[in-house]
Protein backbone atom coordinates (compact mmCIF):
# COMPACT_ATOMS: atom_id res chain seq x y z
CA UNK A 1 -7.38 -23.68 10.99
CA UNK A 2 -9.68 -22.07 13.49
CA UNK A 3 -13.63 -21.97 13.47
CA UNK A 4 -13.88 -18.49 12.47
CA UNK A 5 -13.43 -19.95 8.70
CA UNK A 6 -15.44 -22.55 9.15
CA UNK A 7 -18.84 -20.93 6.89
CA UNK A 8 -16.35 -20.55 4.18
CA UNK A 9 -16.09 -23.25 1.33
CA UNK A 10 -13.62 -24.68 -0.32
CA UNK A 11 -12.90 -21.86 -3.21
CA UNK A 12 -12.95 -19.28 -0.45
CA UNK A 13 -10.93 -21.08 2.03
CA UNK A 14 -7.71 -20.38 -0.63
CA UNK A 15 -7.91 -17.22 0.78
CA UNK A 16 -5.94 -18.54 3.57
CA UNK A 17 -3.33 -19.63 1.38
CA UNK A 18 -2.60 -16.18 0.31
CA UNK A 19 -2.71 -14.72 3.55
CA UNK A 20 -0.17 -17.43 5.20
CA UNK A 21 2.30 -16.04 2.63
CA UNK A 22 1.93 -12.88 3.47
CA UNK A 23 2.11 -13.52 7.14
CA UNK A 24 5.31 -15.59 6.19
CA UNK A 25 6.86 -13.00 4.59
CA UNK A 26 6.02 -10.35 7.56
CA UNK A 27 7.92 -12.34 10.01
CA UNK A 28 11.42 -12.77 7.95
CA UNK A 29 13.65 -10.06 8.35
CA UNK A 30 13.74 -8.56 5.24
CA UNK A 31 10.17 -8.77 4.18
CA UNK A 32 8.72 -7.68 0.25
CA UNK A 33 5.17 -6.63 1.21
CA UNK A 34 5.88 -6.71 5.32
CA UNK A 35 1.80 -6.64 5.51
CA UNK A 36 1.19 -6.61 9.49
CA UNK A 37 -2.25 -6.82 9.20
CA UNK A 38 -2.11 -10.36 7.24
CA UNK A 39 0.15 -11.77 10.42
CA UNK A 40 -2.28 -10.54 12.93
CA UNK A 41 -5.54 -11.64 10.72
CA UNK A 42 -3.65 -15.35 10.22
CA UNK A 43 -3.44 -15.25 13.91
CA UNK A 44 -7.06 -14.58 14.73
CA UNK A 45 -8.83 -16.80 12.30
CA UNK A 46 -6.64 -19.53 13.84
CA UNK A 47 -3.97 -20.46 11.19
CA UNK A 48 -3.71 -21.25 7.58
CA UNK A 49 -4.07 -25.44 8.42
CA UNK A 50 -3.48 -27.24 5.42
CA UNK A 51 -3.88 -24.49 3.24
CA UNK A 52 -0.39 -22.97 4.42
CA UNK A 53 1.86 -26.11 4.43
CA UNK A 54 0.69 -27.28 1.29
CA UNK A 55 1.22 -24.46 -0.57
CA UNK A 56 4.68 -23.37 0.93
CA UNK A 57 6.97 -23.79 -1.98
CA UNK A 58 4.61 -21.30 -3.66
CA UNK A 59 4.05 -19.24 -0.66
CA UNK A 60 5.57 -15.87 -2.31
CA UNK A 61 3.85 -15.93 -5.17
CA UNK A 62 0.97 -14.28 -4.18
CA UNK A 63 3.27 -11.95 -2.41
CA UNK A 64 5.25 -10.98 -5.20
CA UNK A 65 1.87 -10.29 -7.19
CA UNK A 66 0.52 -8.37 -4.19
CA UNK A 67 3.35 -5.87 -4.02
CA UNK A 68 3.65 -5.46 -8.11
CA UNK A 69 -0.17 -4.39 -7.97
CA UNK A 70 0.34 -2.33 -4.90
CA UNK A 71 2.71 -0.18 -6.81
CA UNK A 72 0.72 -0.15 -9.82
CA UNK A 73 -2.43 1.07 -7.49
CA UNK A 74 -0.06 3.86 -6.28
CA UNK A 75 1.05 4.95 -9.21
CA UNK A 76 -2.89 5.06 -10.61
CA UNK A 77 -3.89 7.07 -7.39
CA UNK A 78 -1.09 9.27 -7.30
CA UNK A 79 -2.73 10.33 -10.84
CA UNK A 80 -5.89 10.19 -9.40
CA UNK A 81 -6.39 11.21 -5.90
CA UNK A 82 -9.93 11.73 -6.02
CA UNK A 83 -10.72 8.27 -7.76
CA UNK A 84 -13.16 5.25 -7.07
CA UNK A 85 -11.16 2.12 -5.96
CA UNK A 86 -13.46 -1.39 -6.32
CA UNK A 87 -11.33 -4.56 -5.36
CA UNK A 88 -13.66 -7.46 -5.91
CA UNK A 89 -12.79 -11.09 -4.37
CA UNK A 90 -10.76 -8.75 -1.70
CA UNK A 91 -10.91 -11.75 0.87
CA UNK A 92 -9.02 -10.89 4.05
CA UNK A 93 -6.35 -8.27 1.95
CA UNK A 94 -5.19 -5.31 3.97
CA UNK A 95 -4.55 -3.10 0.67
CA UNK A 96 -6.82 -0.20 1.59
CA UNK A 97 -4.49 -0.35 5.04
CA UNK A 98 -1.24 -0.92 2.92
CA UNK A 99 -1.78 1.55 0.28
CA UNK A 100 -3.46 4.44 2.36
CA UNK A 101 -5.04 6.00 -0.42
CA UNK A 102 -5.83 9.96 -0.11
CA UNK A 103 -8.44 11.13 1.77
CA UNK A 104 -10.54 11.99 -1.35
CA UNK A 105 -10.31 8.12 -2.63
CA UNK A 106 -13.80 6.45 -2.08
CA UNK A 107 -12.85 2.34 -1.97
CA UNK A 108 -15.18 -0.26 -2.17
CA UNK A 109 -14.12 -3.61 -0.95
CA UNK A 110 -16.32 -7.18 -2.55
CA UNK A 111 -16.54 -10.46 -1.74
CA UNK A 112 -19.30 -13.21 -0.37
CA UNK A 113 -20.93 -11.66 2.54
CA UNK A 114 -19.33 -15.02 4.52
CA UNK A 115 -15.89 -13.43 3.72
CA UNK A 116 -17.37 -9.47 4.24
CA UNK A 117 -18.23 -10.73 7.81
CA UNK A 118 -15.29 -12.06 8.57
CA UNK A 119 -13.34 -8.63 7.10
CA UNK A 120 -15.51 -6.94 9.43
CA UNK A 121 -14.32 -9.08 12.41
CA UNK A 122 -10.63 -9.10 12.25
CA UNK A 123 -10.00 -6.16 10.28
CA UNK A 124 -9.46 -2.70 11.93
CA UNK A 125 -10.95 -0.92 9.00
CA UNK A 126 -14.52 1.03 9.85
CA UNK A 127 -16.81 1.48 6.99
CA UNK A 128 -17.44 5.17 6.01
CA UNK A 129 -18.61 7.26 3.32
CA UNK A 130 -14.77 6.71 1.94
CA UNK A 131 -14.68 2.79 2.89
CA UNK A 132 -17.33 0.25 2.28
CA UNK A 133 -17.82 -3.42 2.17
CA UNK A 134 -19.91 -5.05 -0.75
CA UNK A 135 -21.44 -8.75 0.14
CA UNK A 136 -22.11 -10.05 -2.73
CA UNK A 137 -20.74 -12.41 -5.60
CA UNK A 138 -18.96 -10.75 -8.06
CA UNK A 139 -21.18 -12.62 -10.72
CA UNK A 140 -24.24 -11.43 -9.22
CA UNK A 141 -26.35 -8.66 -11.25
CA UNK A 142 -27.15 -5.88 -8.67
CA UNK A 143 -24.02 -5.17 -6.84
CA UNK A 144 -22.31 -2.98 -9.81
CA UNK A 145 -25.22 -1.06 -10.54
CA UNK A 146 -25.16 0.24 -6.73
CA UNK A 147 -21.42 1.48 -7.51
CA UNK A 148 -21.05 5.07 -8.43
CA UNK A 149 -19.57 6.04 -12.18
CA UNK A 150 -18.16 9.25 -11.77
CA UNK A 151 -14.63 9.15 -11.49
CA UNK A 152 -11.72 7.79 -12.66
CA UNK A 153 -11.95 3.86 -11.32
CA UNK A 154 -9.38 1.33 -10.39
CA UNK A 155 -10.90 -2.02 -10.75
CA UNK A 156 -8.85 -4.77 -8.79
CA UNK A 157 -9.48 -8.30 -9.52
CA UNK A 158 -6.26 -9.98 -8.10
CA UNK A 159 -6.75 -13.75 -7.94
CA UNK A 160 -10.58 -14.13 -9.16
CA UNK A 161 -10.68 -14.20 -12.94
CA UNK A 162 -9.55 -18.12 -12.70
CA UNK A 163 -11.85 -19.02 -10.16
CA UNK A 164 -14.42 -18.01 -12.57
CA UNK A 165 -16.07 -20.10 -15.53
CA UNK A 166 -15.14 -18.83 -18.70
CA UNK A 167 -18.17 -17.61 -19.59
CA UNK A 168 -18.94 -16.01 -16.50
CA UNK A 169 -15.08 -13.96 -16.13
CA UNK A 170 -15.96 -12.70 -20.05
CA UNK A 171 -19.46 -11.83 -18.93
CA UNK A 172 -17.97 -9.82 -15.55
CA UNK A 173 -15.29 -8.08 -17.77
CA UNK A 174 -17.75 -7.05 -20.15
CA UNK A 175 -20.23 -5.36 -17.33
CA UNK A 176 -17.26 -3.57 -15.80
CA UNK A 177 -15.92 -2.20 -19.00
CA UNK A 178 -19.68 -1.09 -19.63
CA UNK A 179 -20.30 0.25 -16.22
CA UNK A 180 -17.02 2.49 -15.43
CA UNK A 181 -16.11 5.56 -17.83
CA UNK A 182 -12.36 5.45 -17.38
CA UNK A 183 -9.42 3.87 -15.66
CA UNK A 184 -7.58 0.78 -15.18
CA UNK A 185 -7.88 -2.83 -14.44
CA UNK A 186 -5.25 -4.80 -12.34
CA UNK A 187 -6.03 -8.43 -13.15
CA UNK A 188 -4.19 -11.63 -13.29
CA UNK A 189 -4.44 -14.70 -15.16
CA UNK A 190 -3.37 -18.21 -15.00
CA UNK A 191 -1.89 -20.40 -17.47
CA UNK A 192 -4.28 -23.62 -19.31
CA UNK A 193 -2.13 -26.24 -18.05
CA UNK A 194 -2.59 -24.93 -14.45
CA UNK A 195 -6.15 -24.63 -14.41
CA UNK A 196 -5.77 -28.42 -15.57
CA UNK A 197 -4.20 -29.40 -13.00
CA UNK A 198 -6.11 -27.62 -10.41
CA UNK A 199 -9.22 -29.50 -11.77
CA UNK A 200 -7.37 -32.76 -10.51
CA UNK A 201 -7.80 -31.46 -7.12
CA UNK A 202 -11.28 -30.26 -7.41
CA UNK A 203 -10.97 -26.83 -8.49
CA UNK A 204 -13.12 -26.01 -11.66
CA UNK A 205 -10.25 -22.79 -13.07
CA UNK A 206 -10.41 -21.08 -16.09
CA UNK A 207 -7.01 -20.81 -17.97
CA UNK A 208 -5.93 -18.17 -20.46
CA UNK A 209 -3.00 -18.29 -22.89
CA UNK A 210 -2.90 -14.91 -24.73
CA UNK A 211 -3.57 -11.88 -22.38
CA UNK A 212 -4.53 -9.80 -25.59
CA UNK A 213 -8.21 -12.21 -26.22
CA UNK A 214 -8.96 -9.73 -23.26
CA UNK A 215 -8.45 -6.43 -25.91
CA UNK A 216 -10.05 -8.01 -28.54
CA UNK A 217 -12.70 -9.51 -26.46
CA UNK A 218 -13.51 -5.52 -24.91
CA UNK A 219 -11.58 -2.69 -27.21
CA UNK A 220 -11.92 -0.38 -24.31
CA UNK A 221 -9.13 -2.43 -22.64
CA UNK A 222 -5.70 -1.80 -23.66
CA UNK A 223 -2.92 -3.89 -22.34
CA UNK A 224 -0.34 -1.63 -20.77
CA UNK A 225 1.90 -4.30 -18.64
CA UNK A 226 2.20 -8.06 -18.47
CA UNK A 227 4.39 -9.85 -16.21
CA UNK A 228 4.80 -13.03 -13.95
CA UNK A 229 4.01 -13.55 -10.59
CA UNK A 230 7.59 -14.80 -10.14
CA UNK A 231 9.51 -11.65 -11.04
CA UNK A 232 11.20 -10.13 -8.69
CA UNK A 233 11.86 -13.72 -6.78
CA UNK A 234 15.79 -12.65 -5.83
CA UNK A 235 14.07 -10.40 -3.39
CA UNK A 236 12.37 -13.07 -1.44
CA UNK A 237 14.52 -13.24 1.99
CA UNK A 238 13.78 -16.84 2.60
CA UNK A 239 16.82 -18.74 1.37
CA UNK A 240 15.01 -22.23 0.95
CA UNK A 241 11.90 -20.52 -1.05
CA UNK A 242 14.06 -17.82 -2.79
CA UNK A 243 16.21 -20.92 -4.37
CA UNK A 244 13.04 -22.81 -5.33
CA UNK A 245 11.38 -19.87 -7.30
CA UNK A 246 14.88 -18.89 -8.89
CA UNK A 247 15.06 -22.72 -10.30
CA UNK A 248 11.53 -23.04 -11.04
CA UNK A 249 11.56 -19.56 -13.06
CA UNK A 250 14.04 -21.29 -15.27
CA UNK A 251 11.34 -22.98 -16.83
CA UNK A 252 8.97 -20.80 -19.27
CA UNK A 253 5.65 -22.67 -17.93
CA UNK A 254 6.52 -21.98 -14.57
CA UNK A 255 6.95 -17.93 -15.57
CA UNK A 256 3.89 -18.13 -17.31
CA UNK A 257 1.85 -19.84 -15.05
CA UNK A 258 0.26 -16.86 -13.27
CA UNK A 259 0.52 -13.17 -14.71
CA UNK A 260 -0.51 -10.37 -13.32
CA UNK A 261 -1.60 -7.65 -16.00
CA UNK A 262 -2.54 -4.03 -15.96
CA UNK A 263 -5.17 -2.74 -18.39
CA UNK A 264 -6.04 1.06 -19.26
CA UNK A 265 -9.66 1.56 -19.47
CA UNK A 266 -10.12 4.21 -22.48
CA UNK A 267 -13.04 6.45 -22.07
CA UNK A 268 -16.32 5.60 -23.99
């Protein structure tokens, strides 16, 4: 792990594990996501270090999750080619490059200022009226009010909610649904047992058993799809990792450990 990420804290550095999985996938013969930018960025920042090998067995979970969310996002943009996209806790993700959205789409990537600085340095995306970076914690009160709310909006919160405190997560979801008029929310939730397990390693995480709790708390959100991050593991090209995921997917606890969710945000 290089000095480029030295300013990041323990939670922020988990983006390296995600980046490592996507780079590993790109280097395979039949990649699932084929994110060449992840491989390039990982080399530039000096590798993933401990965050790579410690998460090797689950390296494809963020890959499969990202590929699913990319498909959901493409479907939304096909129907709304002039949409606003807001990607929260964007890390060093290259989704804007992977999706190459229509020219009329406005895209905002939001993350801590330290992460935004890394993005500016290592990702080949120029800021413009079409693409903007927002350097802020998502729990801050001011950044959201600066974003336009005049179009159908796709909000991506991949790998985010579980890292917030429970009260912060519910508050953020409430602020998002109050601000944007209509669209979709793509997010994922962690099982409570997995959140407790992460606590043994010093990560304070939030777990949620029933995704319908989100609908009940925020009635404008309607759950459209719920899946497992392990779904599609038969496509993993690396034999050992494919075998591991196939075996672990037999157990309900593992299948429901990390669940990507797709919500419709109904008009006010």
